[in-house]
Amino acid sequence: MKKEKYDLEKRTGEMGLNAIKLCQGIELDNINKIIIDQLIRSATSVGANYMEANGASSRRDFKNKIHICKKECQETKHWLKMFSLCEPRQKDKIAEVWKEAQQLTLIFGKIISTLNRKSELRIRN
């Protein structure tokens, strides 16, 4: 059985693209325009910050960028919840993007806890 390569860079980028696709074609009004703007900003920021993390100049810089990725995922979930009130017909598509944002939140949280644990081990030794 061939094991697939886990590509977090691709996955974070696809979440941003899926958020863009979700919002395309929506007729804008005064409320959803603001929500869509915030949703797209946070969803696309995850991939951008992950790219920055991969080019980090230090372990501390990497950890900081990963922490930002986690925060942007959490913000994306918030805006998706708000968007679902404006666009109830998009409920299933919104749920798919929310699920991916939740999974990425957990992944980035695990990366942060692993980095913290390794730092603690280095300090003890």
PDB file of N, CA and C in Angstrom:
ATOM      1  N   MET A   1       0.843  -1.178   0.000  1.00  0.00           N
ATOM      2  CA  MET A   1       0.000   0.000   0.000  1.00  0.00           C
ATOM      3  C   MET A   1       0.894   1.249   0.000  1.00  0.00           C
ATOM      4  N   LYS A   2       0.696   2.117  -0.972  1.00  0.00           N
ATOM      5  CA  LYS A   2       1.503   3.327  -1.095  1.00  0.00           C
ATOM      6  C   LYS A   2       0.932   4.418  -0.195  1.00  0.00           C
ATOM      7  N   LYS A   3       1.821   5.005   0.598  1.00  0.00           N
ATOM      8  CA  LYS A   3       1.412   6.064   1.514  1.00  0.00           C
ATOM      9  C   LYS A   3       1.491   7.405   0.790  1.00  0.00           C
ATOM     10  N   GLU A   4       0.388   8.193   0.867  1.00  0.00           N
ATOM     11  CA  GLU A   4       0.367   9.498   0.219  1.00  0.00           C
ATOM     12  C   GLU A   4       1.180  10.499   1.012  1.00  0.00           C
ATOM     13  N   LYS A   5       1.869  11.388   0.300  1.00  0.00           N
ATOM     14  CA  LYS A   5       2.618  12.449   0.947  1.00  0.00           C
ATOM     15  C   LYS A   5       1.632  13.469   1.501  1.00  0.00           C
ATOM     16  N   TYR A   6       1.853  13.845   2.733  1.00  0.00           N
ATOM     17  CA  TYR A   6       0.990  14.822   3.390  1.00  0.00           C
ATOM     18  C   TYR A   6       1.501  16.211   3.039  1.00  0.00           C
ATOM     19  N   ASP A   7       0.700  16.991   2.320  1.00  0.00           N
ATOM     20  CA  ASP A   7       1.135  18.294   1.830  1.00  0.00           C
ATOM     21  C   ASP A   7       0.299  19.398   2.464  1.00  0.00           C
ATOM     22  N   LEU A   8       0.763  19.907   3.589  1.00  0.00           N
ATOM     23  CA  LEU A   8       0.046  20.941   4.314  1.00  0.00           C
ATOM     24  C   LEU A   8       0.027  22.255   3.547  1.00  0.00           C
ATOM     25  N   GLU A   9       1.072  22.503   2.777  1.00  0.00           N
ATOM     26  CA  GLU A   9       1.117  23.713   1.947  1.00  0.00           C
ATOM     27  C   GLU A   9      -0.029  23.705   0.933  1.00  0.00           C
ATOM     28  N   LYS A  10      -0.223  22.573   0.300  1.00  0.00           N
ATOM     29  CA  LYS A  10      -1.305  22.432  -0.677  1.00  0.00           C
ATOM     30  C   LYS A  10      -2.666  22.542   0.012  1.00  0.00           C
ATOM     31  N   ARG A  11      -2.784  21.904   1.141  1.00  0.00           N
ATOM     32  CA  ARG A  11      -4.057  21.873   1.858  1.00  0.00           C
ATOM     33  C   ARG A  11      -4.482  23.267   2.327  1.00  0.00           C
ATOM     34  N   THR A  12      -3.542  24.050   2.851  1.00  0.00           N
ATOM     35  CA  THR A  12      -3.880  25.398   3.310  1.00  0.00           C
ATOM     36  C   THR A  12      -4.259  26.293   2.133  1.00  0.00           C
ATOM     37  N   GLY A  13      -3.564  26.112   1.016  1.00  0.00           N
ATOM     38  CA  GLY A  13      -3.899  26.881  -0.184  1.00  0.00           C
ATOM     39  C   GLY A  13      -5.276  26.537  -0.715  1.00  0.00           C
ATOM     40  N   GLU A  14      -5.602  25.251  -0.693  1.00  0.00           N
ATOM     41  CA  GLU A  14      -6.911  24.810  -1.190  1.00  0.00           C
ATOM     42  C   GLU A  14      -8.042  25.327  -0.310  1.00  0.00           C
ATOM     43  N   MET A  15      -7.804  25.442   0.993  1.00  0.00           N
ATOM     44  CA  MET A  15      -8.856  25.983   1.840  1.00  0.00           C
ATOM     45  C   MET A  15      -9.156  27.430   1.444  1.00  0.00           C
ATOM     46  N   GLY A  16      -8.119  28.209   1.180  1.00  0.00           N
ATOM     47  CA  GLY A  16      -8.331  29.579   0.730  1.00  0.00           C
ATOM     48  C   GLY A  16      -9.082  29.628  -0.590  1.00  0.00           C
ATOM     49  N   LEU A  17      -8.693  28.778  -1.521  1.00  0.00           N
ATOM     50  CA  LEU A  17      -9.381  28.723  -2.815  1.00  0.00           C
ATOM     51  C   LEU A  17     -10.837  28.313  -2.660  1.00  0.00           C
ATOM     52  N   ASN A  18     -11.099  27.355  -1.785  1.00  0.00           N
ATOM     53  CA  ASN A  18     -12.479  26.914  -1.564  1.00  0.00           C
ATOM     54  C   ASN A  18     -13.319  28.012  -0.932  1.00  0.00           C
ATOM     55  N   ALA A  19     -12.726  28.825  -0.076  1.00  0.00           N
ATOM     56  CA  ALA A  19     -13.452  29.959   0.500  1.00  0.00           C
ATOM     57  C   ALA A  19     -13.781  30.977  -0.584  1.00  0.00           C
ATOM     58  N   ILE A  20     -12.845  31.212  -1.490  1.00  0.00           N
ATOM     59  CA  ILE A  20     -13.088  32.140  -2.605  1.00  0.00           C
ATOM     60  C   ILE A  20     -14.225  31.615  -3.480  1.00  0.00           C
ATOM     61  N   LYS A  21     -14.164  30.334  -3.845  1.00  0.00           N
ATOM     62  CA  LYS A  21     -15.209  29.735  -4.676  1.00  0.00           C
ATOM     63  C   LYS A  21     -16.574  29.807  -3.990  1.00  0.00           C
ATOM     64  N   LEU A  22     -16.585  29.612  -2.683  1.00  0.00           N
ATOM     65  CA  LEU A  22     -17.822  29.676  -1.908  1.00  0.00           C
ATOM     66  C   LEU A  22     -18.484  31.048  -2.038  1.00  0.00           C
ATOM     67  N   CYS A  23     -17.666  32.078  -2.076  1.00  0.00           N
ATOM     68  CA  CYS A  23     -18.185  33.455  -2.074  1.00  0.00           C
ATOM     69  C   CYS A  23     -18.438  34.023  -3.471  1.00  0.00           C
ATOM     70  N   GLN A  24     -17.887  33.397  -4.492  1.00  0.00           N
ATOM     71  CA  GLN A  24     -18.095  33.895  -5.852  1.00  0.00           C
ATOM     72  C   GLN A  24     -19.556  33.764  -6.245  1.00  0.00           C
ATOM     73  N   GLY A  25     -20.054  34.761  -6.914  1.00  0.00           N
ATOM     74  CA  GLY A  25     -21.413  34.724  -7.416  1.00  0.00           C
ATOM     75  C   GLY A  25     -22.469  35.114  -6.404  1.00  0.00           C
ATOM     76  N   ILE A  26     -22.051  35.414  -5.189  1.00  0.00           N
ATOM     77  CA  ILE A  26     -23.006  35.846  -4.164  1.00  0.00           C
ATOM     78  C   ILE A  26     -23.349  37.314  -4.419  1.00  0.00           C
ATOM     79  N   GLU A  27     -24.628  37.602  -4.442  1.00  0.00           N
ATOM     80  CA  GLU A  27     -25.059  38.987  -4.611  1.00  0.00           C
ATOM     81  C   GLU A  27     -24.752  39.748  -3.315  1.00  0.00           C
ATOM     82  N   LEU A  28     -23.965  40.796  -3.434  1.00  0.00           N
ATOM     83  CA  LEU A  28     -23.507  41.518  -2.254  1.00  0.00           C
ATOM     84  C   LEU A  28     -24.543  42.498  -1.730  1.00  0.00           C
ATOM     85  N   ASP A  29     -24.581  42.585  -0.402  1.00  0.00           N
ATOM     86  CA  ASP A  29     -25.359  43.629   0.263  1.00  0.00           C
ATOM     87  C   ASP A  29     -24.451  44.232   1.331  1.00  0.00           C
ATOM     88  N   ASN A  30     -24.966  45.169   2.105  1.00  0.00           N
ATOM     89  CA  ASN A  30     -24.128  45.868   3.086  1.00  0.00           C
ATOM     90  C   ASN A  30     -23.561  44.951   4.159  1.00  0.00           C
ATOM     91  N   ILE A  31     -24.260  43.898   4.496  1.00  0.00           N
ATOM     92  CA  ILE A  31     -23.799  42.993   5.558  1.00  0.00           C
ATOM     93  C   ILE A  31     -22.865  41.927   5.017  1.00  0.00           C
ATOM     94  N   ASN A  32     -23.308  41.178   4.003  1.00  0.00           N
ATOM     95  CA  ASN A  32     -22.477  40.060   3.561  1.00  0.00           C
ATOM     96  C   ASN A  32     -21.186  40.520   2.882  1.00  0.00           C
ATOM     97  N   LYS A  33     -21.163  41.742   2.365  1.00  0.00           N
ATOM     98  CA  LYS A  33     -19.933  42.271   1.760  1.00  0.00           C
ATOM     99  C   LYS A  33     -18.811  42.317   2.797  1.00  0.00           C
ATOM    100  N   ILE A  34     -19.118  42.778   3.986  1.00  0.00           N
ATOM    101  CA  ILE A  34     -18.129  42.864   5.072  1.00  0.00           C
ATOM    102  C   ILE A  34     -17.706  41.459   5.513  1.00  0.00           C
ATOM    103  N   ILE A  35     -18.681  40.590   5.663  1.00  0.00           N
ATOM    104  CA  ILE A  35     -18.392  39.227   6.113  1.00  0.00           C
ATOM    105  C   ILE A  35     -17.549  38.483   5.085  1.00  0.00           C
ATOM    106  N   ILE A  36     -17.899  38.607   3.817  1.00  0.00           N
ATOM    107  CA  ILE A  36     -17.138  37.944   2.757  1.00  0.00           C
ATOM    108  C   ILE A  36     -15.706  38.467   2.723  1.00  0.00           C
ATOM    109  N   ASP A  37     -15.546  39.772   2.853  1.00  0.00           N
ATOM    110  CA  ASP A  37     -14.208  40.361   2.860  1.00  0.00           C
ATOM    111  C   ASP A  37     -13.363  39.764   3.989  1.00  0.00           C
ATOM    112  N   GLN A  38     -13.921  39.696   5.183  1.00  0.00           N
ATOM    113  CA  GLN A  38     -13.188  39.153   6.327  1.00  0.00           C
ATOM    114  C   GLN A  38     -12.913  37.658   6.159  1.00  0.00           C
ATOM    115  N   LEU A  39     -13.892  36.927   5.646  1.00  0.00           N
ATOM    116  CA  LEU A  39     -13.739  35.492   5.432  1.00  0.00           C
ATOM    117  C   LEU A  39     -12.601  35.208   4.448  1.00  0.00           C
ATOM    118  N   ILE A  40     -12.591  35.902   3.339  1.00  0.00           N
ATOM    119  CA  ILE A  40     -11.546  35.683   2.331  1.00  0.00           C
ATOM    120  C   ILE A  40     -10.175  36.061   2.887  1.00  0.00           C
ATOM    121  N   ARG A  41     -10.113  37.156   3.625  1.00  0.00           N
ATOM    122  CA  ARG A  41      -8.836  37.572   4.211  1.00  0.00           C
ATOM    123  C   ARG A  41      -8.280  36.510   5.151  1.00  0.00           C
ATOM    124  N   SER A  42      -9.117  36.012   6.053  1.00  0.00           N
ATOM    125  CA  SER A  42      -8.616  35.038   7.028  1.00  0.00           C
ATOM    126  C   SER A  42      -8.317  33.687   6.370  1.00  0.00           C
ATOM    127  N   ALA A  43      -9.190  33.222   5.485  1.00  0.00           N
ATOM    128  CA  ALA A  43      -9.001  31.905   4.856  1.00  0.00           C
ATOM    129  C   ALA A  43      -7.752  31.864   3.975  1.00  0.00           C
ATOM    130  N   THR A  44      -7.492  32.938   3.246  1.00  0.00           N
ATOM    131  CA  THR A  44      -6.299  32.953   2.381  1.00  0.00           C
ATOM    132  C   THR A  44      -5.033  33.247   3.173  1.00  0.00           C
ATOM    133  N   SER A  45      -5.182  33.867   4.323  1.00  0.00           N
ATOM    134  CA  SER A  45      -4.036  34.170   5.175  1.00  0.00           C
ATOM    135  C   SER A  45      -3.387  32.911   5.745  1.00  0.00           C
ATOM    136  N   VAL A  46      -4.165  31.875   5.928  1.00  0.00           N
ATOM    137  CA  VAL A  46      -3.628  30.631   6.490  1.00  0.00           C
ATOM    138  C   VAL A  46      -2.503  30.101   5.604  1.00  0.00           C
ATOM    139  N   GLY A  47      -2.772  29.981   4.313  1.00  0.00           N
ATOM    140  CA  GLY A  47      -1.757  29.480   3.382  1.00  0.00           C
ATOM    141  C   GLY A  47      -0.565  30.406   3.271  1.00  0.00           C
ATOM    142  N   ALA A  48      -0.819  31.706   3.261  1.00  0.00           N
ATOM    143  CA  ALA A  48       0.279  32.675   3.164  1.00  0.00           C
ATOM    144  C   ALA A  48       1.194  32.578   4.387  1.00  0.00           C
ATOM    145  N   ASN A  49       0.597  32.461   5.559  1.00  0.00           N
ATOM    146  CA  ASN A  49       1.410  32.357   6.777  1.00  0.00           C
ATOM    147  C   ASN A  49       2.123  31.014   6.870  1.00  0.00           C
ATOM    148  N   TYR A  50       1.512  29.965   6.331  1.00  0.00           N
ATOM    149  CA  TYR A  50       2.202  28.680   6.327  1.00  0.00           C
ATOM    150  C   TYR A  50       3.420  28.736   5.402  1.00  0.00           C
ATOM    151  N   MET A  51       3.278  29.409   4.273  1.00  0.00           N
ATOM    152  CA  MET A  51       4.428  29.588   3.372  1.00  0.00           C
ATOM    153  C   MET A  51       5.538  30.356   4.089  1.00  0.00           C
ATOM    154  N   GLU A  52       5.163  31.384   4.847  1.00  0.00           N
ATOM    155  CA  GLU A  52       6.153  32.139   5.616  1.00  0.00           C
ATOM    156  C   GLU A  52       6.811  31.260   6.675  1.00  0.00           C
ATOM    157  N   ALA A  53       6.030  30.402   7.315  1.00  0.00           N
ATOM    158  CA  ALA A  53       6.589  29.504   8.326  1.00  0.00           C
ATOM    159  C   ALA A  53       7.651  28.596   7.710  1.00  0.00           C
ATOM    160  N   ASN A  54       7.380  28.113   6.511  1.00  0.00           N
ATOM    161  CA  ASN A  54       8.347  27.240   5.844  1.00  0.00           C
ATOM    162  C   ASN A  54       9.646  27.954   5.499  1.00  0.00           C
ATOM    163  N   GLY A  55       9.598  29.273   5.405  1.00  0.00           N
ATOM    164  CA  GLY A  55      10.808  30.053   5.137  1.00  0.00           C
ATOM    165  C   GLY A  55      11.315  30.779   6.367  1.00  0.00           C
ATOM    166  N   ALA A  56      10.887  30.333   7.537  1.00  0.00           N
ATOM    167  CA  ALA A  56      11.236  31.020   8.784  1.00  0.00           C
ATOM    168  C   ALA A  56      12.745  31.075   9.000  1.00  0.00           C
ATOM    169  N   SER A  57      13.171  32.151   9.636  1.00  0.00           N
ATOM    170  CA  SER A  57      14.595  32.356   9.875  1.00  0.00           C
ATOM    171  C   SER A  57      15.081  31.684  11.161  1.00  0.00           C
ATOM    172  N   SER A  58      14.161  31.243  11.991  1.00  0.00           N
ATOM    173  CA  SER A  58      14.536  30.581  13.243  1.00  0.00           C
ATOM    174  C   SER A  58      13.389  29.692  13.711  1.00  0.00           C
ATOM    175  N   ARG A  59      13.677  28.880  14.690  1.00  0.00           N
ATOM    176  CA  ARG A  59      12.654  28.017  15.293  1.00  0.00           C
ATOM    177  C   ARG A  59      11.554  28.876  15.928  1.00  0.00           C
ATOM    178  N   ARG A  60      11.960  29.951  16.576  1.00  0.00           N
ATOM    179  CA  ARG A  60      10.998  30.861  17.206  1.00  0.00           C
ATOM    180  C   ARG A  60      10.094  31.512  16.157  1.00  0.00           C
ATOM    181  N   ASP A  61      10.692  31.942  15.040  1.00  0.00           N
ATOM    182  CA  ASP A  61       9.932  32.546  13.948  1.00  0.00           C
ATOM    183  C   ASP A  61       8.944  31.533  13.370  1.00  0.00           C
ATOM    184  N   PHE A  62       9.402  30.282  13.192  1.00  0.00           N
ATOM    185  CA  PHE A  62       8.535  29.217  12.678  1.00  0.00           C
ATOM    186  C   PHE A  62       7.340  29.013  13.602  1.00  0.00           C
ATOM    187  N   LYS A  63       7.603  28.908  14.896  1.00  0.00           N
ATOM    188  CA  LYS A  63       6.537  28.689  15.871  1.00  0.00           C
ATOM    189  C   LYS A  63       5.533  29.847  15.842  1.00  0.00           C
ATOM    190  N   ASN A  64       6.033  31.065  15.748  1.00  0.00           N
ATOM    191  CA  ASN A  64       5.158  32.231  15.696  1.00  0.00           C
ATOM    192  C   ASN A  64       4.254  32.194  14.467  1.00  0.00           C
ATOM    193  N   LYS A  65       4.803  31.866  13.319  1.00  0.00           N
ATOM    194  CA  LYS A  65       4.001  31.800  12.089  1.00  0.00           C
ATOM    195  C   LYS A  65       2.961  30.684  12.162  1.00  0.00           C
ATOM    196  N   ILE A  66       3.326  29.555  12.743  1.00  0.00           N
ATOM    197  CA  ILE A  66       2.374  28.455  12.902  1.00  0.00           C
ATOM    198  C   ILE A  66       1.251  28.877  13.841  1.00  0.00           C
ATOM    199  N   HIS A  67       1.597  29.604  14.883  1.00  0.00           N
ATOM    200  CA  HIS A  67       0.578  30.115  15.805  1.00  0.00           C
ATOM    201  C   HIS A  67      -0.388  31.053  15.066  1.00  0.00           C
ATOM    202  N   ILE A  68       0.137  31.889  14.189  1.00  0.00           N
ATOM    203  CA  ILE A  68      -0.714  32.779  13.383  1.00  0.00           C
ATOM    204  C   ILE A  68      -1.624  31.953  12.471  1.00  0.00           C
ATOM    205  N   CYS A  69      -1.090  30.891  11.888  1.00  0.00           N
ATOM    206  CA  CYS A  69      -1.913  30.005  11.046  1.00  0.00           C
ATOM    207  C   CYS A  69      -3.104  29.470  11.841  1.00  0.00           C
ATOM    208  N   LYS A  70      -2.837  29.026  13.066  1.00  0.00           N
ATOM    209  CA  LYS A  70      -3.912  28.498  13.908  1.00  0.00           C
ATOM    210  C   LYS A  70      -4.955  29.579  14.196  1.00  0.00           C
ATOM    211  N   LYS A  71      -4.491  30.775  14.531  1.00  0.00           N
ATOM    212  CA  LYS A  71      -5.418  31.866  14.820  1.00  0.00           C
ATOM    213  C   LYS A  71      -6.264  32.227  13.602  1.00  0.00           C
ATOM    214  N   GLU A  72      -5.657  32.228  12.425  1.00  0.00           N
ATOM    215  CA  GLU A  72      -6.399  32.548  11.198  1.00  0.00           C
ATOM    216  C   GLU A  72      -7.429  31.467  10.879  1.00  0.00           C
ATOM    217  N   CYS A  73      -7.107  30.213  11.177  1.00  0.00           N
ATOM    218  CA  CYS A  73      -8.092  29.131  10.998  1.00  0.00           C
ATOM    219  C   CYS A  73      -9.284  29.344  11.923  1.00  0.00           C
ATOM    220  N   GLN A  74      -8.997  29.717  13.154  1.00  0.00           N
ATOM    221  CA  GLN A  74     -10.080  29.966  14.110  1.00  0.00           C
ATOM    222  C   GLN A  74     -10.933  31.148  13.660  1.00  0.00           C
ATOM    223  N   GLU A  75     -10.285  32.183  13.152  1.00  0.00           N
ATOM    224  CA  GLU A  75     -11.033  33.337  12.653  1.00  0.00           C
ATOM    225  C   GLU A  75     -11.885  32.948  11.440  1.00  0.00           C
ATOM    226  N   THR A  76     -11.335  32.126  10.584  1.00  0.00           N
ATOM    227  CA  THR A  76     -12.081  31.658   9.412  1.00  0.00           C
ATOM    228  C   THR A  76     -13.351  30.938   9.840  1.00  0.00           C
ATOM    229  N   LYS A  77     -13.257  30.107  10.857  1.00  0.00           N
ATOM    230  CA  LYS A  77     -14.445  29.405  11.353  1.00  0.00           C
ATOM    231  C   LYS A  77     -15.492  30.395  11.845  1.00  0.00           C
ATOM    232  N   HIS A  78     -15.051  31.447  12.502  1.00  0.00           N
ATOM    233  CA  HIS A  78     -15.988  32.476  12.975  1.00  0.00           C
ATOM    234  C   HIS A  78     -16.722  33.118  11.803  1.00  0.00           C
ATOM    235  N   TRP A  79     -15.978  33.537  10.769  1.00  0.00           N
ATOM    236  CA  TRP A  79     -16.604  34.207   9.629  1.00  0.00           C
ATOM    237  C   TRP A  79     -17.484  33.247   8.836  1.00  0.00           C
ATOM    238  N   LEU A  80     -17.133  31.986   8.793  1.00  0.00           N
ATOM    239  CA  LEU A  80     -18.006  31.002   8.135  1.00  0.00           C
ATOM    240  C   LEU A  80     -19.335  30.890   8.872  1.00  0.00           C
ATOM    241  N   LYS A  81     -19.285  30.929  10.186  1.00  0.00           N
ATOM    242  CA  LYS A  81     -20.520  30.885  10.975  1.00  0.00           C
ATOM    243  C   LYS A  81     -21.386  32.103  10.669  1.00  0.00           C
ATOM    244  N   MET A  82     -20.774  33.279  10.603  1.00  0.00           N
ATOM    245  CA  MET A  82     -21.510  34.502  10.276  1.00  0.00           C
ATOM    246  C   MET A  82     -22.072  34.433   8.849  1.00  0.00           C
ATOM    247  N   PHE A  83     -21.272  33.900   7.932  1.00  0.00           N
ATOM    248  CA  PHE A  83     -21.675  33.781   6.532  1.00  0.00           C
ATOM    249  C   PHE A  83     -22.871  32.840   6.392  1.00  0.00           C
ATOM    250  N   SER A  84     -22.902  31.811   7.224  1.00  0.00           N
ATOM    251  CA  SER A  84     -24.025  30.852   7.145  1.00  0.00           C
ATOM    252  C   SER A  84     -25.358  31.523   7.492  1.00  0.00           C
ATOM    253  N   LEU A  85     -25.322  32.573   8.305  1.00  0.00           N
ATOM    254  CA  LEU A  85     -26.546  33.317   8.603  1.00  0.00           C
ATOM    255  C   LEU A  85     -27.000  34.138   7.405  1.00  0.00           C
ATOM    256  N   CYS A  86     -26.038  34.642   6.646  1.00  0.00           N
ATOM    257  CA  CYS A  86     -26.353  35.460   5.462  1.00  0.00           C
ATOM    258  C   CYS A  86     -26.748  34.606   4.262  1.00  0.00           C
ATOM    259  N   GLU A  87     -26.167  33.423   4.172  1.00  0.00           N
ATOM    260  CA  GLU A  87     -26.362  32.562   3.004  1.00  0.00           C
ATOM    261  C   GLU A  87     -26.750  31.143   3.423  1.00  0.00           C
ATOM    262  N   PRO A  88     -27.936  30.955   3.985  1.00  0.00           N
ATOM    263  CA  PRO A  88     -28.320  29.616   4.455  1.00  0.00           C
ATOM    264  C   PRO A  88     -28.384  28.565   3.342  1.00  0.00           C
ATOM    265  N   ARG A  89     -28.558  29.006   2.096  1.00  0.00           N
ATOM    266  CA  ARG A  89     -28.597  28.046   0.981  1.00  0.00           C
ATOM    267  C   ARG A  89     -27.221  27.416   0.726  1.00  0.00           C
ATOM    268  N   GLN A  90     -26.181  28.037   1.237  1.00  0.00           N
ATOM    269  CA  GLN A  90     -24.809  27.541   1.045  1.00  0.00           C
ATOM    270  C   GLN A  90     -24.350  26.664   2.223  1.00  0.00           C
ATOM    271  N   LYS A  91     -25.289  26.254   3.052  1.00  0.00           N
ATOM    272  CA  LYS A  91     -24.989  25.560   4.301  1.00  0.00           C
ATOM    273  C   LYS A  91     -24.011  24.385   4.126  1.00  0.00           C
ATOM    274  N   ASP A  92     -24.244  23.525   3.154  1.00  0.00           N
ATOM    275  CA  ASP A  92     -23.388  22.346   2.966  1.00  0.00           C
ATOM    276  C   ASP A  92     -21.972  22.724   2.557  1.00  0.00           C
ATOM    277  N   LYS A  93     -21.842  23.675   1.645  1.00  0.00           N
ATOM    278  CA  LYS A  93     -20.519  24.121   1.202  1.00  0.00           C
ATOM    279  C   LYS A  93     -19.775  24.825   2.332  1.00  0.00           C
ATOM    280  N   ILE A  94     -20.505  25.615   3.101  1.00  0.00           N
ATOM    281  CA  ILE A  94     -19.903  26.297   4.254  1.00  0.00           C
ATOM    282  C   ILE A  94     -19.390  25.257   5.254  1.00  0.00           C
ATOM    283  N   ALA A  95     -20.183  24.223   5.491  1.00  0.00           N
ATOM    284  CA  ALA A  95     -19.800  23.166   6.433  1.00  0.00           C
ATOM    285  C   ALA A  95     -18.511  22.469   6.003  1.00  0.00           C
ATOM    286  N   GLU A  96     -18.336  22.270   4.692  1.00  0.00           N
ATOM    287  CA  GLU A  96     -17.112  21.628   4.184  1.00  0.00           C
ATOM    288  C   GLU A  96     -15.884  22.477   4.477  1.00  0.00           C
ATOM    289  N   VAL A  97     -15.983  23.776   4.209  1.00  0.00           N
ATOM    290  CA  VAL A  97     -14.842  24.672   4.462  1.00  0.00           C
ATOM    291  C   VAL A  97     -14.601  24.772   5.967  1.00  0.00           C
ATOM    292  N   TRP A  98     -15.669  24.833   6.768  1.00  0.00           N
ATOM    293  CA  TRP A  98     -15.528  24.903   8.221  1.00  0.00           C
ATOM    294  C   TRP A  98     -14.809  23.662   8.743  1.00  0.00           C
ATOM    295  N   LYS A  99     -15.189  22.491   8.227  1.00  0.00           N
ATOM    296  CA  LYS A  99     -14.561  21.246   8.668  1.00  0.00           C
ATOM    297  C   LYS A  99     -13.061  21.257   8.378  1.00  0.00           C
ATOM    298  N   GLU A 100     -12.682  21.732   7.212  1.00  0.00           N
ATOM    299  CA  GLU A 100     -11.261  21.811   6.875  1.00  0.00           C
ATOM    300  C   GLU A 100     -10.545  22.809   7.782  1.00  0.00           C
ATOM    301  N   ALA A 101     -11.176  23.948   8.052  1.00  0.00           N
ATOM    302  CA  ALA A 101     -10.575  24.934   8.962  1.00  0.00           C
ATOM    303  C   ALA A 101     -10.399  24.331  10.358  1.00  0.00           C
ATOM    304  N   GLN A 102     -11.360  23.540  10.797  1.00  0.00           N
ATOM    305  CA  GLN A 102     -11.256  22.889  12.104  1.00  0.00           C
ATOM    306  C   GLN A 102     -10.113  21.877  12.118  1.00  0.00           C
ATOM    307  N   GLN A 103     -10.002  21.073  11.079  1.00  0.00           N
ATOM    308  CA  GLN A 103      -8.917  20.095  11.022  1.00  0.00           C
ATOM    309  C   GLN A 103      -7.552  20.780  11.007  1.00  0.00           C
ATOM    310  N   LEU A 104      -7.445  21.868  10.248  1.00  0.00           N
ATOM    311  CA  LEU A 104      -6.189  22.612  10.209  1.00  0.00           C
ATOM    312  C   LEU A 104      -5.885  23.258  11.562  1.00  0.00           C
ATOM    313  N   THR A 105      -6.913  23.735  12.258  1.00  0.00           N
ATOM    314  CA  THR A 105      -6.719  24.279  13.604  1.00  0.00           C
ATOM    315  C   THR A 105      -6.094  23.223  14.509  1.00  0.00           C
ATOM    316  N   LEU A 106      -6.615  22.015  14.448  1.00  0.00           N
ATOM    317  CA  LEU A 106      -6.084  20.929  15.276  1.00  0.00           C
ATOM    318  C   LEU A 106      -4.650  20.556  14.879  1.00  0.00           C
ATOM    319  N   ILE A 107      -4.372  20.543  13.586  1.00  0.00           N
ATOM    320  CA  ILE A 107      -3.025  20.225  13.109  1.00  0.00           C
ATOM    321  C   ILE A 107      -2.029  21.274  13.588  1.00  0.00           C
ATOM    322  N   PHE A 108      -2.379  22.552  13.418  1.00  0.00           N
ATOM    323  CA  PHE A 108      -1.460  23.604  13.852  1.00  0.00           C
ATOM    324  C   PHE A 108      -1.297  23.597  15.372  1.00  0.00           C
ATOM    325  N   GLY A 109      -2.363  23.281  16.093  1.00  0.00           N
ATOM    326  CA  GLY A 109      -2.266  23.156  17.546  1.00  0.00           C
ATOM    327  C   GLY A 109      -1.306  22.049  17.948  1.00  0.00           C
ATOM    328  N   LYS A 110      -1.351  20.936  17.233  1.00  0.00           N
ATOM    329  CA  LYS A 110      -0.455  19.813  17.508  1.00  0.00           C
ATOM    330  C   LYS A 110       0.993  20.190  17.207  1.00  0.00           C
ATOM    331  N   ILE A 111       1.214  20.898  16.114  1.00  0.00           N
ATOM    332  CA  ILE A 111       2.569  21.346  15.785  1.00  0.00           C
ATOM    333  C   ILE A 111       3.103  22.231  16.904  1.00  0.00           C
ATOM    334  N   ILE A 112       2.275  23.165  17.385  1.00  0.00           N
ATOM    335  CA  ILE A 112       2.691  24.073  18.456  1.00  0.00           C
ATOM    336  C   ILE A 112       3.005  23.292  19.730  1.00  0.00           C
ATOM    337  N   SER A 113       2.150  22.347  20.105  1.00  0.00           N
ATOM    338  CA  SER A 113       2.396  21.586  21.343  1.00  0.00           C
ATOM    339  C   SER A 113       3.654  20.724  21.220  1.00  0.00           C
ATOM    340  N   THR A 114       3.907  20.182  20.039  1.00  0.00           N
ATOM    341  CA  THR A 114       5.127  19.401  19.813  1.00  0.00           C
ATOM    342  C   THR A 114       6.359  20.294  19.946  1.00  0.00           C
ATOM    343  N   LEU A 115       6.306  21.485  19.359  1.00  0.00           N
ATOM    344  CA  LEU A 115       7.426  22.423  19.478  1.00  0.00           C
ATOM    345  C   LEU A 115       7.651  22.824  20.933  1.00  0.00           C
ATOM    346  N   ASN A 116       6.560  23.051  21.664  1.00  0.00           N
ATOM    347  CA  ASN A 116       6.679  23.408  23.082  1.00  0.00           C
ATOM    348  C   ASN A 116       7.313  22.269  23.881  1.00  0.00           C
ATOM    349  N   ARG A 117       6.885  21.045  23.608  1.00  0.00           N
ATOM    350  CA  ARG A 117       7.423  19.874  24.317  1.00  0.00           C
ATOM    351  C   ARG A 117       8.915  19.716  24.023  1.00  0.00           C
ATOM    352  N   LYS A 118       9.313  19.903  22.779  1.00  0.00           N
ATOM    353  CA  LYS A 118      10.729  19.778  22.425  1.00  0.00           C
ATOM    354  C   LYS A 118      11.554  20.870  23.099  1.00  0.00           C
ATOM    355  N   SER A 119      10.991  22.078  23.204  1.00  0.00           N
ATOM    356  CA  SER A 119      11.685  23.172  23.886  1.00  0.00           C
ATOM    357  C   SER A 119      11.883  22.851  25.359  1.00  0.00           C
ATOM    358  N   GLU A 120      10.855  22.292  25.987  1.00  0.00           N
ATOM    359  CA  GLU A 120      10.950  21.918  27.398  1.00  0.00           C
ATOM    360  C   GLU A 120      12.019  20.848  27.610  1.00  0.00           C
ATOM    361  N   LEU A 121      12.103  19.889  26.708  1.00  0.00           N
ATOM    362  CA  LEU A 121      13.106  18.837  26.819  1.00  0.00           C
ATOM    363  C   LEU A 121      14.517  19.402  26.686  1.00  0.00           C
ATOM    364  N   ARG A 122      14.699  20.344  25.779  1.00  0.00           N
ATOM    365  CA  ARG A 122      16.019  20.969  25.601  1.00  0.00           C
ATOM    366  C   ARG A 122      16.427  21.753  26.848  1.00  0.00           C
ATOM    367  N   ILE A 123      15.469  22.420  27.460  1.00  0.00           N
ATOM    368  CA  ILE A 123      15.767  23.226  28.651  1.00  0.00           C
ATOM    369  C   ILE A 123      16.162  22.320  29.810  1.00  0.00           C
ATOM    370  N   ARG A 124      15.493  21.187  29.955  1.00  0.00           N
ATOM    371  CA  ARG A 124      15.792  20.247  31.045  1.00  0.00           C
ATOM    372  C   ARG A 124      17.154  19.602  30.883  1.00  0.00           C
ATOM    373  N   ASN A 125      17.544  19.364  29.654  1.00  0.00           N
ATOM    374  CA  ASN A 125      18.818  18.654  29.419  1.00  0.00           C
ATOM    375  C   ASN A 125      19.923  19.605  29.335  1.00  0.00           C
TER     376      ASN A 125
END
